[in-house]
């Protein structure tokens, strides 16, 4: 933090590492490996990508288990959306007015394969 105060520049660790690992965790359920993290920090720091563009590129470049993880999340999201669209009782139960939307989604997702 002293560096931020003295120079006005945020260290790379704070500026890029945390959002990149957050992207990897949200997409693939793990941090970026060290080589991938270094690559994406470099791409963002040198202006080749914004963090938003990097997010799209990271998603588009997913292979193997990472691609399978994204596919499983998409299947779960589509399944949840289809069930909700087909049932007015589920829509009512999911409503924020009932205060249990998050809990209902967690329960439904818990039964999905990972």
C-alpha atoms as a PDB file:
ATOM      1  CA  UNK A   1       0.000   0.000   0.000  1.00  0.00           C
ATOM      2  CA  UNK A   2       2.919   2.333   0.612  1.00  0.00           C
ATOM      3  CA  UNK A   3       3.883   1.955  -3.043  1.00  0.00           C
ATOM      4  CA  UNK A   4       0.396   3.048  -4.124  1.00  0.00           C
ATOM      5  CA  UNK A   5       0.599   6.125  -1.905  1.00  0.00           C
ATOM      6  CA  UNK A   6       4.121   7.093  -3.012  1.00  0.00           C
ATOM      7  CA  UNK A   7       3.856   6.437  -6.745  1.00  0.00           C
ATOM      8  CA  UNK A   8       0.157   6.457  -7.513  1.00  0.00           C
ATOM      9  CA  UNK A   9       0.601   3.089  -9.256  1.00  0.00           C
ATOM     10  CA  UNK A  10      -0.895  -0.085  -7.949  1.00  0.00           C
ATOM     11  CA  UNK A  11       1.447  -3.082  -7.841  1.00  0.00           C
ATOM     12  CA  UNK A  12       0.753  -5.728 -10.473  1.00  0.00           C
ATOM     13  CA  UNK A  13      -0.181  -8.164  -7.705  1.00  0.00           C
ATOM     14  CA  UNK A  14      -3.128  -6.008  -6.686  1.00  0.00           C
ATOM     15  CA  UNK A  15      -4.034  -4.767 -10.133  1.00  0.00           C
ATOM     16  CA  UNK A  16      -4.019  -8.011 -12.127  1.00  0.00           C
ATOM     17  CA  UNK A  17      -3.356 -11.149 -10.081  1.00  0.00           C
ATOM     18  CA  UNK A  18      -6.524 -11.018  -8.019  1.00  0.00           C
ATOM     19  CA  UNK A  19      -8.951 -10.388 -10.910  1.00  0.00           C
ATOM     20  CA  UNK A  20      -7.271 -12.993 -13.113  1.00  0.00           C
ATOM     21  CA  UNK A  21      -7.485 -15.638 -10.397  1.00  0.00           C
ATOM     22  CA  UNK A  22     -11.085 -14.596  -9.721  1.00  0.00           C
ATOM     23  CA  UNK A  23     -11.857 -15.184 -13.423  1.00  0.00           C
ATOM     24  CA  UNK A  24     -10.209 -18.605 -13.357  1.00  0.00           C
ATOM     25  CA  UNK A  25     -12.054 -19.550 -10.174  1.00  0.00           C
ATOM     26  CA  UNK A  26     -15.414 -18.391 -11.527  1.00  0.00           C
ATOM     27  CA  UNK A  27     -14.911 -20.165 -14.838  1.00  0.00           C
ATOM     28  CA  UNK A  28     -12.875 -23.250 -13.926  1.00  0.00           C
ATOM     29  CA  UNK A  29     -12.962 -23.570 -10.100  1.00  0.00           C
ATOM     30  CA  UNK A  30      -9.186 -23.053  -9.677  1.00  0.00           C
ATOM     31  CA  UNK A  31      -6.541 -20.324  -9.725  1.00  0.00           C
ATOM     32  CA  UNK A  32      -4.538 -19.732 -12.882  1.00  0.00           C
ATOM     33  CA  UNK A  33      -1.316 -21.743 -13.053  1.00  0.00           C
ATOM     34  CA  UNK A  34       1.852 -19.674 -12.685  1.00  0.00           C
ATOM     35  CA  UNK A  35       2.605 -19.579 -16.416  1.00  0.00           C
ATOM     36  CA  UNK A  36      -0.952 -18.581 -17.305  1.00  0.00           C
ATOM     37  CA  UNK A  37      -1.054 -15.966 -14.587  1.00  0.00           C
ATOM     38  CA  UNK A  38       2.237 -14.446 -15.781  1.00  0.00           C
ATOM     39  CA  UNK A  39       0.993 -14.466 -19.383  1.00  0.00           C
ATOM     40  CA  UNK A  40      -2.289 -12.706 -18.597  1.00  0.00           C
ATOM     41  CA  UNK A  41      -0.648 -10.179 -16.275  1.00  0.00           C
ATOM     42  CA  UNK A  42       1.749  -9.344 -19.110  1.00  0.00           C
ATOM     43  CA  UNK A  43      -1.045  -9.046 -21.676  1.00  0.00           C
ATOM     44  CA  UNK A  44      -3.064  -6.710 -19.444  1.00  0.00           C
ATOM     45  CA  UNK A  45      -0.089  -4.657 -18.237  1.00  0.00           C
ATOM     46  CA  UNK A  46       1.213  -4.069 -21.771  1.00  0.00           C
ATOM     47  CA  UNK A  47      -2.237  -2.989 -22.961  1.00  0.00           C
ATOM     48  CA  UNK A  48      -2.853  -5.890 -25.354  1.00  0.00           C
ATOM     49  CA  UNK A  49      -6.014  -6.831 -23.434  1.00  0.00           C
ATOM     50  CA  UNK A  50      -8.320  -5.151 -20.962  1.00  0.00           C
ATOM     51  CA  UNK A  51      -9.455  -7.356 -18.090  1.00  0.00           C
ATOM     52  CA  UNK A  52     -12.801  -7.795 -19.894  1.00  0.00           C
ATOM     53  CA  UNK A  53     -11.111  -8.833 -23.125  1.00  0.00           C
ATOM     54  CA  UNK A  54      -8.880 -11.209 -21.175  1.00  0.00           C
ATOM     55  CA  UNK A  55     -11.962 -12.788 -19.588  1.00  0.00           C
ATOM     56  CA  UNK A  56     -13.449 -13.499 -23.004  1.00  0.00           C
ATOM     57  CA  UNK A  57     -10.139 -14.852 -24.327  1.00  0.00           C
ATOM     58  CA  UNK A  58      -9.630 -17.061 -21.251  1.00  0.00           C
ATOM     59  CA  UNK A  59     -13.119 -18.508 -21.677  1.00  0.00           C
ATOM     60  CA  UNK A  60     -12.684 -18.986 -25.430  1.00  0.00           C
ATOM     61  CA  UNK A  61      -9.338 -20.731 -24.919  1.00  0.00           C
ATOM     62  CA  UNK A  62     -10.578 -23.274 -22.383  1.00  0.00           C
ATOM     63  CA  UNK A  63      -9.612 -26.865 -23.169  1.00  0.00           C
ATOM     64  CA  UNK A  64      -9.752 -30.234 -21.438  1.00  0.00           C
ATOM     65  CA  UNK A  65     -11.084 -30.183 -17.869  1.00  0.00           C
ATOM     66  CA  UNK A  66     -11.522 -26.395 -17.968  1.00  0.00           C
ATOM     67  CA  UNK A  67     -13.767 -26.619 -21.038  1.00  0.00           C
ATOM     68  CA  UNK A  68     -15.693 -29.465 -19.387  1.00  0.00           C
ATOM     69  CA  UNK A  69     -16.201 -27.336 -16.272  1.00  0.00           C
ATOM     70  CA  UNK A  70     -17.604 -24.432 -18.305  1.00  0.00           C
ATOM     71  CA  UNK A  71     -19.832 -26.808 -20.264  1.00  0.00           C
ATOM     72  CA  UNK A  72     -21.178 -28.323 -17.036  1.00  0.00           C
ATOM     73  CA  UNK A  73     -21.942 -24.851 -15.679  1.00  0.00           C
ATOM     74  CA  UNK A  74     -23.729 -23.930 -18.911  1.00  0.00           C
ATOM     75  CA  UNK A  75     -25.771 -27.154 -18.846  1.00  0.00           C
ATOM     76  CA  UNK A  76     -26.710 -26.480 -15.207  1.00  0.00           C
ATOM     77  CA  UNK A  77     -27.671 -22.865 -15.966  1.00  0.00           C
ATOM     78  CA  UNK A  78     -29.775 -23.898 -18.953  1.00  0.00           C
ATOM     79  CA  UNK A  79     -31.435 -26.664 -16.940  1.00  0.00           C
ATOM     80  CA  UNK A  80     -32.214 -24.305 -14.083  1.00  0.00           C
ATOM     81  CA  UNK A  81     -33.599 -21.688 -16.474  1.00  0.00           C
ATOM     82  CA  UNK A  82     -35.758 -24.272 -18.263  1.00  0.00           C
ATOM     83  CA  UNK A  83     -37.183 -25.594 -14.983  1.00  0.00           C
ATOM     84  CA  UNK A  84     -37.902 -22.055 -13.789  1.00  0.00           C
ATOM     85  CA  UNK A  85     -39.554 -21.042 -17.068  1.00  0.00           C
ATOM     86  CA  UNK A  86     -41.827 -24.098 -16.969  1.00  0.00           C
ATOM     87  CA  UNK A  87     -43.066 -23.731 -13.407  1.00  0.00           C
ATOM     88  CA  UNK A  88     -44.935 -20.813 -11.902  1.00  0.00           C
ATOM     89  CA  UNK A  89     -44.610 -22.415  -8.461  1.00  0.00           C
ATOM     90  CA  UNK A  90     -40.810 -22.479  -8.805  1.00  0.00           C
ATOM     91  CA  UNK A  91     -40.864 -18.889 -10.022  1.00  0.00           C
ATOM     92  CA  UNK A  92     -42.869 -17.905  -6.947  1.00  0.00           C
ATOM     93  CA  UNK A  93     -40.520 -19.846  -4.657  1.00  0.00           C
ATOM     94  CA  UNK A  94     -37.496 -18.218  -6.303  1.00  0.00           C
ATOM     95  CA  UNK A  95     -38.886 -14.717  -5.973  1.00  0.00           C
ATOM     96  CA  UNK A  96     -36.833 -12.265  -3.942  1.00  0.00           C
ATOM     97  CA  UNK A  97     -40.001 -11.437  -2.012  1.00  0.00           C
ATOM     98  CA  UNK A  98     -39.695 -14.857  -0.382  1.00  0.00           C
ATOM     99  CA  UNK A  99     -36.059 -14.217   0.486  1.00  0.00           C
ATOM    100  CA  UNK A 100     -34.972 -17.734  -0.447  1.00  0.00           C
ATOM    101  CA  UNK A 101     -33.808 -17.347  -4.062  1.00  0.00           C
ATOM    102  CA  UNK A 102     -30.164 -18.002  -3.278  1.00  0.00           C
ATOM    103  CA  UNK A 103     -30.945 -21.006  -1.081  1.00  0.00           C
ATOM    104  CA  UNK A 104     -33.213 -22.521  -3.750  1.00  0.00           C
ATOM    105  CA  UNK A 105     -30.514 -22.143  -6.404  1.00  0.00           C
ATOM    106  CA  UNK A 106     -27.893 -23.717  -4.104  1.00  0.00           C
ATOM    107  CA  UNK A 107     -30.156 -26.690  -3.369  1.00  0.00           C
ATOM    108  CA  UNK A 108     -30.878 -27.226  -7.050  1.00  0.00           C
ATOM    109  CA  UNK A 109     -27.223 -26.923  -8.041  1.00  0.00           C
ATOM    110  CA  UNK A 110     -26.141 -29.324  -5.284  1.00  0.00           C
ATOM    111  CA  UNK A 111     -27.941 -32.116  -7.153  1.00  0.00           C
ATOM    112  CA  UNK A 112     -26.139 -31.391 -10.435  1.00  0.00           C
ATOM    113  CA  UNK A 113     -23.040 -33.377 -11.454  1.00  0.00           C
ATOM    114  CA  UNK A 114     -19.773 -31.460 -11.184  1.00  0.00           C
END
